[in-house]
């Protein structure tokens, strides 16, 4: 099982916390979906202002989940 978040930071953190609390041996990690091109999400992760708003939101959610909220 892979809990999958997208671009809402609070929802991504809530999903991560719920998944951790209720994890079984079948949960193998966390999947962040971006719905952006690889280049666009890379720009967003590097804080490039040229990144799309959607990519920026997805990057913020991913960073929050990885950094612990």
Protein backbone atom coordinates (compact mmCIF):
# COMPACT_ATOMS: atom_id res chain seq x y z
CA UNK A 1 0.00 0.00 0.00
CA UNK A 2 1.23 3.48 -0.84
CA UNK A 3 -0.65 6.44 0.64
CA UNK A 4 -0.55 9.13 -2.05
CA UNK A 5 -0.68 12.88 -1.49
CA UNK A 6 -0.87 15.72 -3.96
CA UNK A 7 -0.71 19.48 -3.46
CA UNK A 8 -2.59 20.36 -0.27
CA UNK A 9 -0.06 20.59 2.56
CA UNK A 10 -2.52 20.03 5.42
CA UNK A 11 -4.14 17.07 3.64
CA UNK A 12 -0.74 15.55 2.82
CA UNK A 13 0.39 15.83 6.44
CA UNK A 14 -2.91 14.41 7.72
CA UNK A 15 -2.63 11.49 5.30
CA UNK A 16 0.97 10.85 6.32
CA UNK A 17 0.12 10.94 10.01
CA UNK A 18 -2.91 8.68 9.57
CA UNK A 19 -0.91 6.23 7.48
CA UNK A 20 1.88 6.11 10.07
CA UNK A 21 -0.58 5.61 12.91
CA UNK A 22 -2.40 2.78 11.12
CA UNK A 23 0.51 1.25 9.21
CA UNK A 24 0.76 -2.48 8.71
CA UNK A 25 3.55 -4.48 7.13
CA UNK A 26 1.76 -3.98 3.80
CA UNK A 27 2.47 -0.25 3.74
CA UNK A 28 5.73 0.20 1.89
CA UNK A 29 6.06 3.98 1.75
CA UNK A 30 4.48 7.21 0.59
CA UNK A 31 3.82 8.26 -2.99
CA UNK A 32 3.66 11.94 -3.87
CA UNK A 33 1.74 12.66 -7.05
CA UNK A 34 2.53 15.90 -8.84
CA UNK A 35 0.48 16.08 -12.06
CA UNK A 36 3.28 18.25 -13.47
CA UNK A 37 6.11 17.61 -15.89
CA UNK A 38 9.42 16.48 -14.46
CA UNK A 39 11.02 19.78 -15.35
CA UNK A 40 8.23 21.79 -13.77
CA UNK A 41 8.31 19.86 -10.50
CA UNK A 42 12.13 20.13 -10.44
CA UNK A 43 11.85 23.92 -10.85
CA UNK A 44 9.31 24.02 -8.01
CA UNK A 45 11.49 21.89 -5.72
CA UNK A 46 14.38 24.28 -6.43
CA UNK A 47 12.16 27.32 -5.69
CA UNK A 48 12.39 28.59 -9.27
CA UNK A 49 9.73 31.30 -9.77
CA UNK A 50 9.13 29.97 -13.31
CA UNK A 51 7.47 26.82 -11.91
CA UNK A 52 3.70 26.57 -12.34
CA UNK A 53 1.44 27.20 -9.36
CA UNK A 54 0.32 23.56 -9.39
CA UNK A 55 3.93 22.35 -9.28
CA UNK A 56 4.75 24.80 -6.48
CA UNK A 57 1.83 23.49 -4.42
CA UNK A 58 2.83 19.86 -5.02
CA UNK A 59 6.43 20.65 -4.07
CA UNK A 60 5.33 22.39 -0.86
CA UNK A 61 3.27 19.34 0.13
CA UNK A 62 6.12 16.95 -0.67
CA UNK A 63 8.63 19.04 1.28
CA UNK A 64 6.29 19.16 4.29
CA UNK A 65 5.81 15.38 4.28
CA UNK A 66 9.52 14.63 3.86
CA UNK A 67 10.69 17.24 6.38
CA UNK A 68 8.21 16.07 8.99
CA UNK A 69 5.65 18.85 8.73
